[in-house]
Amino acid sequence: MPIYVYNNLSAKDHYFTPDNQPTIGGGAYVREGIAFYAYPSSAAGRIPVFVYNNLSVKDHYWSTVNAPTIGGGGYLREGISFYVPN
C-alpha cells in the first residue's frame, strides 16, 4: 500500500500515513505525495513500525522500537502505522 507524506510547514513536521486525503489534522498537514510502499497488516517476515508523538515540540517519530515512550519520555507511542519487511 502507498504511504503518503504530509507536511506541516508551521510546525516543521512531516507525517507518514496510508490515508490519502488532500489535508489531515484539520488542514494543518498538506499531502506532498507517496513517500514509499509498506504493508497494512502483519505477516511472516514483516515487522511493525510505530509512530510516536511529542506534543510539546509538535514532532512525530517512527521506529520499530515498541515502547510506551522514547526519547527520554518525550515521545509517546500512538500505535502501529504500518508494517515493513524484516
N, C-alpha and C. Protein backbone atom coordinates (compact mmCIF):
# COMPACT_ATOMS: atom_id res chain seq x y z
N MET A 1 0.84 -1.17 0.00
CA MET A 1 0.00 0.00 0.00
C MET A 1 0.89 1.23 0.00
N PRO A 2 0.45 2.32 -0.61
CA PRO A 2 1.25 3.54 -0.59
C PRO A 2 1.19 4.22 0.79
N ILE A 3 2.32 4.79 1.18
CA ILE A 3 2.40 5.60 2.39
C ILE A 3 2.64 7.04 1.93
N TYR A 4 1.72 7.90 2.29
CA TYR A 4 1.77 9.30 1.87
C TYR A 4 2.48 10.13 2.93
N VAL A 5 3.19 11.15 2.46
CA VAL A 5 3.84 12.08 3.38
C VAL A 5 3.08 13.41 3.34
N TYR A 6 2.85 13.93 4.53
CA TYR A 6 2.19 15.22 4.72
C TYR A 6 3.16 16.16 5.41
N ASN A 7 3.05 17.44 5.12
CA ASN A 7 3.95 18.43 5.69
C ASN A 7 3.14 19.51 6.40
N ASN A 8 3.56 19.81 7.62
CA ASN A 8 3.00 20.94 8.37
C ASN A 8 4.10 21.99 8.42
N LEU A 9 4.00 22.98 7.56
CA LEU A 9 5.05 23.98 7.44
C LEU A 9 5.24 24.79 8.71
N SER A 10 4.15 25.14 9.38
CA SER A 10 4.29 25.97 10.58
C SER A 10 4.94 25.22 11.73
N ALA A 11 4.68 23.91 11.85
CA ALA A 11 5.28 23.10 12.92
C ALA A 11 6.59 22.46 12.48
N LYS A 12 6.92 22.57 11.18
CA LYS A 12 8.12 21.93 10.63
C LYS A 12 8.10 20.43 10.94
N ASP A 13 6.97 19.80 10.64
CA ASP A 13 6.76 18.39 10.96
C ASP A 13 6.22 17.67 9.74
N HIS A 14 6.72 16.46 9.50
CA HIS A 14 6.19 15.59 8.47
C HIS A 14 5.43 14.44 9.13
N TYR A 15 4.44 13.92 8.42
CA TYR A 15 3.65 12.82 8.94
C TYR A 15 3.43 11.80 7.82
N PHE A 16 3.66 10.52 8.13
CA PHE A 16 3.52 9.45 7.15
C PHE A 16 2.32 8.58 7.51
N THR A 17 1.45 8.33 6.53
CA THR A 17 0.23 7.58 6.77
C THR A 17 -0.30 6.98 5.47
N PRO A 18 -1.05 5.88 5.57
CA PRO A 18 -1.70 5.36 4.36
C PRO A 18 -2.93 6.17 3.97
N ASP A 19 -3.36 7.10 4.81
CA ASP A 19 -4.53 7.93 4.50
C ASP A 19 -4.22 8.84 3.31
N ASN A 20 -5.10 8.80 2.30
CA ASN A 20 -4.91 9.59 1.09
C ASN A 20 -5.96 10.69 1.05
N GLN A 21 -5.64 11.81 1.66
CA GLN A 21 -6.52 12.98 1.70
C GLN A 21 -5.69 14.19 1.26
N PRO A 22 -6.32 15.24 0.75
CA PRO A 22 -5.56 16.44 0.40
C PRO A 22 -4.86 17.06 1.62
N THR A 23 -5.57 17.03 2.77
CA THR A 23 -5.00 17.53 4.02
C THR A 23 -5.47 16.65 5.17
N ILE A 24 -4.72 16.67 6.27
CA ILE A 24 -5.12 16.00 7.50
C ILE A 24 -4.82 16.94 8.66
N GLY A 25 -5.26 16.56 9.85
CA GLY A 25 -5.01 17.39 11.02
C GLY A 25 -5.70 18.73 10.94
N GLY A 26 -6.95 18.71 10.49
CA GLY A 26 -7.70 19.96 10.39
C GLY A 26 -7.15 20.92 9.35
N GLY A 27 -6.44 20.37 8.37
CA GLY A 27 -5.87 21.20 7.31
C GLY A 27 -4.44 21.64 7.57
N ALA A 28 -3.91 21.32 8.75
CA ALA A 28 -2.55 21.75 9.10
C ALA A 28 -1.48 20.99 8.31
N TYR A 29 -1.77 19.74 7.94
CA TYR A 29 -0.82 18.92 7.19
C TYR A 29 -1.29 18.77 5.76
N VAL A 30 -0.45 19.13 4.81
CA VAL A 30 -0.78 19.09 3.39
C VAL A 30 -0.04 17.91 2.75
N ARG A 31 -0.78 17.12 1.97
CA ARG A 31 -0.19 15.96 1.31
C ARG A 31 0.84 16.39 0.28
N GLU A 32 2.01 15.74 0.32
CA GLU A 32 3.08 16.01 -0.65
C GLU A 32 3.18 14.91 -1.69
N GLY A 33 2.67 13.72 -1.38
CA GLY A 33 2.71 12.63 -2.34
C GLY A 33 3.05 11.31 -1.68
N ILE A 34 3.31 10.30 -2.50
CA ILE A 34 3.67 8.97 -1.99
C ILE A 34 5.16 8.99 -1.61
N ALA A 35 5.43 8.58 -0.37
CA ALA A 35 6.81 8.53 0.12
C ALA A 35 7.43 7.16 -0.15
N PHE A 36 6.66 6.10 0.05
CA PHE A 36 7.13 4.74 -0.14
C PHE A 36 5.95 3.79 -0.02
N TYR A 37 6.21 2.50 -0.13
CA TYR A 37 5.17 1.49 -0.02
C TYR A 37 5.46 0.60 1.19
N ALA A 38 4.40 0.18 1.87
CA ALA A 38 4.52 -0.67 3.05
C ALA A 38 3.34 -1.64 3.06
N TYR A 39 3.25 -2.44 4.11
CA TYR A 39 2.18 -3.42 4.25
C TYR A 39 1.17 -2.95 5.29
N PRO A 40 -0.12 -3.24 5.09
CA PRO A 40 -1.15 -2.81 6.04
C PRO A 40 -1.32 -3.74 7.24
N SER A 41 -0.78 -4.96 7.16
CA SER A 41 -1.01 -5.93 8.24
C SER A 41 0.23 -6.78 8.47
N SER A 42 0.22 -7.45 9.62
CA SER A 42 1.35 -8.30 9.96
C SER A 42 1.29 -9.61 9.19
N ALA A 43 2.44 -10.19 8.97
CA ALA A 43 2.58 -11.49 8.33
C ALA A 43 4.02 -11.94 8.55
N ALA A 44 4.29 -13.16 8.23
CA ALA A 44 5.66 -13.67 8.38
C ALA A 44 6.62 -12.78 7.61
N GLY A 45 7.72 -12.42 8.24
CA GLY A 45 8.74 -11.60 7.59
C GLY A 45 8.47 -10.11 7.62
N ARG A 46 7.46 -9.68 8.37
CA ARG A 46 7.14 -8.25 8.48
C ARG A 46 7.22 -7.82 9.94
N ILE A 47 7.63 -6.57 10.15
CA ILE A 47 7.68 -6.01 11.50
C ILE A 47 6.89 -4.70 11.54
N PRO A 48 6.29 -4.39 12.69
CA PRO A 48 5.52 -3.16 12.78
C PRO A 48 6.42 -1.92 12.92
N VAL A 49 5.93 -0.83 12.37
CA VAL A 49 6.56 0.47 12.56
C VAL A 49 5.59 1.30 13.39
N PHE A 50 6.08 1.77 14.54
CA PHE A 50 5.27 2.52 15.48
C PHE A 50 5.47 4.02 15.27
N VAL A 51 4.41 4.78 15.48
CA VAL A 51 4.52 6.23 15.42
C VAL A 51 4.47 6.76 16.85
N TYR A 52 5.36 7.71 17.12
CA TYR A 52 5.45 8.39 18.41
C TYR A 52 5.22 9.87 18.18
N ASN A 53 4.64 10.54 19.18
CA ASN A 53 4.33 11.96 19.07
C ASN A 53 4.87 12.70 20.29
N ASN A 54 5.53 13.81 20.03
CA ASN A 54 5.99 14.70 21.09
C ASN A 54 5.15 15.96 20.99
N LEU A 55 4.16 16.07 21.86
CA LEU A 55 3.23 17.19 21.79
C LEU A 55 3.88 18.53 22.11
N SER A 56 4.90 18.52 22.96
CA SER A 56 5.50 19.80 23.37
C SER A 56 6.29 20.46 22.24
N VAL A 57 6.85 19.66 21.33
CA VAL A 57 7.59 20.26 20.21
C VAL A 57 6.91 20.00 18.86
N LYS A 58 5.71 19.43 18.90
CA LYS A 58 4.92 19.15 17.69
C LYS A 58 5.74 18.36 16.67
N ASP A 59 6.19 17.18 17.08
CA ASP A 59 7.05 16.36 16.23
C ASP A 59 6.61 14.90 16.30
N HIS A 60 6.70 14.21 15.18
CA HIS A 60 6.41 12.78 15.10
C HIS A 60 7.70 12.02 14.80
N TYR A 61 7.74 10.77 15.25
CA TYR A 61 8.91 9.92 15.04
C TYR A 61 8.43 8.49 14.81
N TRP A 62 9.03 7.81 13.84
CA TRP A 62 8.66 6.43 13.53
C TRP A 62 9.81 5.51 13.89
N SER A 63 9.49 4.36 14.46
CA SER A 63 10.52 3.43 14.91
C SER A 63 9.95 2.02 14.97
N THR A 64 10.83 1.04 14.86
CA THR A 64 10.43 -0.34 15.08
C THR A 64 10.51 -0.70 16.56
N VAL A 65 10.96 0.22 17.38
CA VAL A 65 11.02 0.02 18.84
C VAL A 65 9.60 0.08 19.39
N ASN A 66 9.22 -0.92 20.17
CA ASN A 66 7.89 -0.97 20.77
C ASN A 66 8.02 -0.67 22.27
N ALA A 67 7.89 0.60 22.60
CA ALA A 67 7.97 1.04 24.00
C ALA A 67 6.89 2.10 24.22
N PRO A 68 6.40 2.24 25.45
CA PRO A 68 5.37 3.26 25.71
C PRO A 68 5.85 4.67 25.37
N THR A 69 7.15 4.93 25.65
CA THR A 69 7.75 6.23 25.33
C THR A 69 9.16 6.01 24.83
N ILE A 70 9.68 7.00 24.10
CA ILE A 70 11.08 7.01 23.69
C ILE A 70 11.58 8.44 23.83
N GLY A 71 12.87 8.64 23.61
CA GLY A 71 13.41 9.99 23.70
C GLY A 71 13.34 10.56 25.10
N GLY A 72 13.66 9.73 26.10
CA GLY A 72 13.62 10.20 27.48
C GLY A 72 12.21 10.46 27.97
N GLY A 73 11.23 9.85 27.33
CA GLY A 73 9.83 10.02 27.74
C GLY A 73 9.10 11.13 27.01
N GLY A 74 9.80 11.85 26.16
CA GLY A 74 9.18 12.97 25.45
C GLY A 74 8.25 12.57 24.32
N TYR A 75 8.50 11.39 23.76
CA TYR A 75 7.68 10.91 22.65
C TYR A 75 6.80 9.76 23.13
N LEU A 76 5.50 9.91 22.97
CA LEU A 76 4.53 8.91 23.40
C LEU A 76 4.09 8.07 22.20
N ARG A 77 4.06 6.76 22.40
CA ARG A 77 3.63 5.86 21.32
C ARG A 77 2.15 6.05 21.04
N GLU A 78 1.82 6.21 19.76
CA GLU A 78 0.42 6.34 19.33
C GLU A 78 -0.12 5.04 18.77
N GLY A 79 0.76 4.16 18.28
CA GLY A 79 0.31 2.89 17.74
C GLY A 79 1.12 2.48 16.54
N ILE A 80 0.64 1.43 15.87
CA ILE A 80 1.30 0.91 14.67
C ILE A 80 0.81 1.70 13.45
N SER A 81 1.76 2.17 12.67
CA SER A 81 1.41 2.91 11.45
C SER A 81 1.28 1.98 10.25
N PHE A 82 2.24 1.03 10.14
CA PHE A 82 2.28 0.12 9.01
C PHE A 82 3.32 -0.95 9.30
N TYR A 83 3.50 -1.87 8.37
CA TYR A 83 4.48 -2.95 8.53
C TYR A 83 5.48 -2.89 7.38
N VAL A 84 6.73 -3.29 7.69
CA VAL A 84 7.79 -3.29 6.69
C VAL A 84 8.47 -4.66 6.72
N PRO A 85 9.21 -5.01 5.64
CA PRO A 85 9.93 -6.29 5.66
C PRO A 85 10.95 -6.32 6.78
N ASN A 86 11.12 -7.48 7.37
CA ASN A 86 12.08 -7.65 8.45
C ASN A 86 13.47 -7.81 7.89
